[in-house]
Amino acid sequence: MEYIQRIIGLREDNDLKQSEIAKVLNKSQQGYSHLENQKARFTIDDLIKLCQFYNVSADYILGFTNDMKPLPKN
């Protein structure tokens, strides 16, 4: 799935380990690894946290756009 590659790419581009993103999502490193390896599914809450952490839109992560523009300020 394309969104998995986007999530892995964001993590690698930021020189982060799976364990670091696992903490952001309140998961174990193994639990996060299962997400990247598609043994488990990301929840909507996971997606929201990743968007906020990386400051990118859900449209970018989900592959609807290639534009990595930052999230709008509320």
N, C-alpha and C. Protein backbone atom coordinates (compact mmCIF):
# COMPACT_ATOMS: atom_id res chain seq x y z
N MET A 1 0.84 -1.18 0.00
CA MET A 1 0.00 0.00 0.00
C MET A 1 0.88 1.24 0.00
N GLU A 2 0.48 2.18 -0.79
CA GLU A 2 1.31 3.38 -0.96
C GLU A 2 1.49 4.15 0.34
N TYR A 3 0.47 4.21 1.17
CA TYR A 3 0.59 5.00 2.39
C TYR A 3 1.65 4.43 3.33
N ILE A 4 1.84 3.12 3.32
CA ILE A 4 2.89 2.51 4.15
C ILE A 4 4.25 3.04 3.71
N GLN A 5 4.47 3.10 2.41
CA GLN A 5 5.74 3.61 1.90
C GLN A 5 5.93 5.08 2.26
N ARG A 6 4.85 5.85 2.26
CA ARG A 6 4.95 7.26 2.67
C ARG A 6 5.35 7.37 4.13
N ILE A 7 4.74 6.55 4.98
CA ILE A 7 5.03 6.59 6.41
C ILE A 7 6.47 6.16 6.68
N ILE A 8 6.90 5.11 6.02
CA ILE A 8 8.29 4.66 6.18
C ILE A 8 9.24 5.74 5.66
N GLY A 9 8.91 6.32 4.51
CA GLY A 9 9.74 7.38 3.93
C GLY A 9 9.87 8.59 4.84
N LEU A 10 8.77 9.00 5.45
CA LEU A 10 8.82 10.13 6.38
C LEU A 10 9.74 9.82 7.56
N ARG A 11 9.62 8.62 8.08
CA ARG A 11 10.46 8.23 9.23
C ARG A 11 11.93 8.22 8.83
N GLU A 12 12.23 7.59 7.70
CA GLU A 12 13.63 7.49 7.26
C GLU A 12 14.20 8.85 6.86
N ASP A 13 13.40 9.68 6.20
CA ASP A 13 13.86 11.01 5.81
C ASP A 13 14.21 11.88 7.02
N ASN A 14 13.59 11.59 8.14
CA ASN A 14 13.85 12.34 9.38
C ASN A 14 14.83 11.62 10.29
N ASP A 15 15.48 10.58 9.75
CA ASP A 15 16.48 9.80 10.50
C ASP A 15 15.96 9.33 11.85
N LEU A 16 14.75 8.81 11.85
CA LEU A 16 14.12 8.33 13.08
C LEU A 16 14.05 6.81 13.08
N LYS A 17 14.11 6.25 14.26
CA LYS A 17 13.99 4.81 14.43
C LYS A 17 12.52 4.47 14.67
N GLN A 18 12.18 3.22 14.41
CA GLN A 18 10.81 2.77 14.67
C GLN A 18 10.43 3.02 16.13
N SER A 19 11.37 2.81 17.03
CA SER A 19 11.06 2.98 18.46
C SER A 19 10.68 4.43 18.78
N GLU A 20 11.26 5.39 18.05
CA GLU A 20 10.93 6.79 18.30
C GLU A 20 9.51 7.11 17.85
N ILE A 21 9.11 6.58 16.71
CA ILE A 21 7.74 6.81 16.24
C ILE A 21 6.75 6.02 17.07
N ALA A 22 7.16 4.86 17.53
CA ALA A 22 6.30 4.06 18.41
C ALA A 22 5.92 4.86 19.65
N LYS A 23 6.85 5.62 20.20
CA LYS A 23 6.56 6.45 21.37
C LYS A 23 5.53 7.53 21.04
N VAL A 24 5.64 8.11 19.86
CA VAL A 24 4.68 9.13 19.43
C VAL A 24 3.27 8.53 19.38
N LEU A 25 3.18 7.28 18.96
CA LEU A 25 1.89 6.62 18.81
C LEU A 25 1.47 5.84 20.06
N ASN A 26 2.27 5.92 21.11
CA ASN A 26 2.01 5.17 22.34
C ASN A 26 1.91 3.66 22.07
N LYS A 27 2.89 3.17 21.31
CA LYS A 27 2.96 1.75 20.99
C LYS A 27 4.35 1.24 21.32
N SER A 28 4.48 -0.06 21.37
CA SER A 28 5.81 -0.66 21.52
C SER A 28 6.50 -0.61 20.16
N GLN A 29 7.82 -0.77 20.17
CA GLN A 29 8.56 -0.81 18.90
C GLN A 29 8.04 -1.96 18.05
N GLN A 30 7.78 -3.10 18.67
CA GLN A 30 7.28 -4.26 17.93
C GLN A 30 5.90 -3.97 17.34
N GLY A 31 5.06 -3.30 18.13
CA GLY A 31 3.74 -2.94 17.63
C GLY A 31 3.83 -2.02 16.43
N TYR A 32 4.75 -1.06 16.49
CA TYR A 32 4.92 -0.16 15.34
C TYR A 32 5.49 -0.91 14.15
N SER A 33 6.42 -1.82 14.39
CA SER A 33 6.99 -2.63 13.31
C SER A 33 5.89 -3.41 12.59
N HIS A 34 4.95 -3.92 13.35
CA HIS A 34 3.82 -4.65 12.74
C HIS A 34 3.02 -3.74 11.83
N LEU A 35 2.90 -2.47 12.19
CA LEU A 35 2.19 -1.52 11.33
C LEU A 35 2.94 -1.32 10.01
N GLU A 36 4.24 -1.09 10.09
CA GLU A 36 5.03 -0.87 8.87
C GLU A 36 5.08 -2.13 8.00
N ASN A 37 5.03 -3.30 8.63
CA ASN A 37 5.09 -4.56 7.88
C ASN A 37 3.70 -5.08 7.52
N GLN A 38 2.69 -4.27 7.76
CA GLN A 38 1.30 -4.57 7.42
C GLN A 38 0.76 -5.82 8.10
N LYS A 39 1.29 -6.12 9.28
CA LYS A 39 0.74 -7.20 10.09
C LYS A 39 -0.37 -6.65 11.00
N ALA A 40 -0.45 -5.32 11.08
CA ALA A 40 -1.49 -4.61 11.81
C ALA A 40 -1.84 -3.37 11.00
N ARG A 41 -2.96 -2.74 11.32
CA ARG A 41 -3.40 -1.56 10.58
C ARG A 41 -3.30 -0.30 11.43
N PHE A 42 -2.96 0.79 10.77
CA PHE A 42 -2.96 2.09 11.41
C PHE A 42 -4.40 2.50 11.70
N THR A 43 -4.62 3.13 12.84
CA THR A 43 -5.94 3.66 13.16
C THR A 43 -6.00 5.12 12.69
N ILE A 44 -7.20 5.66 12.72
CA ILE A 44 -7.37 7.09 12.40
C ILE A 44 -6.57 7.92 13.40
N ASP A 45 -6.59 7.53 14.67
CA ASP A 45 -5.81 8.26 15.68
C ASP A 45 -4.32 8.23 15.37
N ASP A 46 -3.83 7.07 14.89
CA ASP A 46 -2.42 6.97 14.49
C ASP A 46 -2.13 7.94 13.35
N LEU A 47 -3.03 7.99 12.37
CA LEU A 47 -2.84 8.88 11.22
C LEU A 47 -2.80 10.33 11.66
N ILE A 48 -3.71 10.71 12.55
CA ILE A 48 -3.75 12.09 13.04
C ILE A 48 -2.44 12.43 13.75
N LYS A 49 -1.98 11.54 14.62
CA LYS A 49 -0.73 11.79 15.34
C LYS A 49 0.46 11.90 14.40
N LEU A 50 0.50 11.05 13.36
CA LEU A 50 1.60 11.12 12.40
C LEU A 50 1.55 12.43 11.61
N CYS A 51 0.36 12.85 11.21
CA CYS A 51 0.22 14.12 10.49
C CYS A 51 0.73 15.28 11.35
N GLN A 52 0.35 15.27 12.61
CA GLN A 52 0.78 16.34 13.51
C GLN A 52 2.29 16.26 13.76
N PHE A 53 2.81 15.08 13.96
CA PHE A 53 4.23 14.91 14.24
C PHE A 53 5.09 15.36 13.06
N TYR A 54 4.73 14.90 11.86
CA TYR A 54 5.52 15.24 10.66
C TYR A 54 5.09 16.56 10.03
N ASN A 55 3.98 17.14 10.51
CA ASN A 55 3.44 18.39 9.97
C ASN A 55 3.15 18.28 8.48
N VAL A 56 2.44 17.21 8.12
CA VAL A 56 2.00 17.00 6.74
C VAL A 56 0.52 16.62 6.78
N SER A 57 -0.15 16.77 5.65
CA SER A 57 -1.56 16.46 5.58
C SER A 57 -1.80 14.96 5.47
N ALA A 58 -2.98 14.55 5.86
CA ALA A 58 -3.38 13.15 5.67
C ALA A 58 -3.43 12.84 4.18
N ASP A 59 -3.79 13.82 3.36
CA ASP A 59 -3.80 13.62 1.91
C ASP A 59 -2.42 13.20 1.41
N TYR A 60 -1.37 13.79 1.96
CA TYR A 60 -0.02 13.41 1.56
C TYR A 60 0.29 11.98 1.99
N ILE A 61 0.04 11.68 3.26
CA ILE A 61 0.36 10.34 3.76
C ILE A 61 -0.44 9.28 3.01
N LEU A 62 -1.69 9.56 2.71
CA LEU A 62 -2.54 8.58 2.04
C LEU A 62 -2.32 8.51 0.54
N GLY A 63 -1.49 9.39 0.01
CA GLY A 63 -1.13 9.34 -1.41
C GLY A 63 -2.07 10.07 -2.34
N PHE A 64 -2.95 10.92 -1.81
CA PHE A 64 -3.86 11.69 -2.66
C PHE A 64 -3.18 12.89 -3.28
N THR A 65 -2.04 13.29 -2.72
CA THR A 65 -1.25 14.40 -3.25
C THR A 65 0.22 14.12 -2.98
N ASN A 66 1.06 14.71 -3.79
CA ASN A 66 2.50 14.63 -3.58
C ASN A 66 3.04 15.90 -2.93
N ASP A 67 2.14 16.83 -2.62
CA ASP A 67 2.50 18.11 -2.03
C ASP A 67 2.64 17.93 -0.50
N MET A 68 3.83 18.18 0.02
CA MET A 68 4.09 18.01 1.44
C MET A 68 3.87 19.32 2.21
N LYS A 69 2.92 20.12 1.80
CA LYS A 69 2.70 21.39 2.48
C LYS A 69 2.32 21.15 3.94
N PRO A 70 2.74 22.07 4.82
CA PRO A 70 2.45 21.90 6.26
C PRO A 70 0.96 22.00 6.55
N LEU A 71 0.60 21.48 7.69
CA LEU A 71 -0.79 21.57 8.14
C LEU A 71 -1.18 23.03 8.35
N PRO A 72 -2.44 23.35 8.07
CA PRO A 72 -2.88 24.74 8.32
C PRO A 72 -2.90 25.03 9.81
N LYS A 73 -2.62 26.26 10.15
CA LYS A 73 -2.69 26.70 11.54
C LYS A 73 -4.14 26.97 11.90
N ASN A 74 -4.53 26.54 13.09
CA ASN A 74 -5.91 26.79 13.54
C ASN A 74 -5.99 28.07 14.32
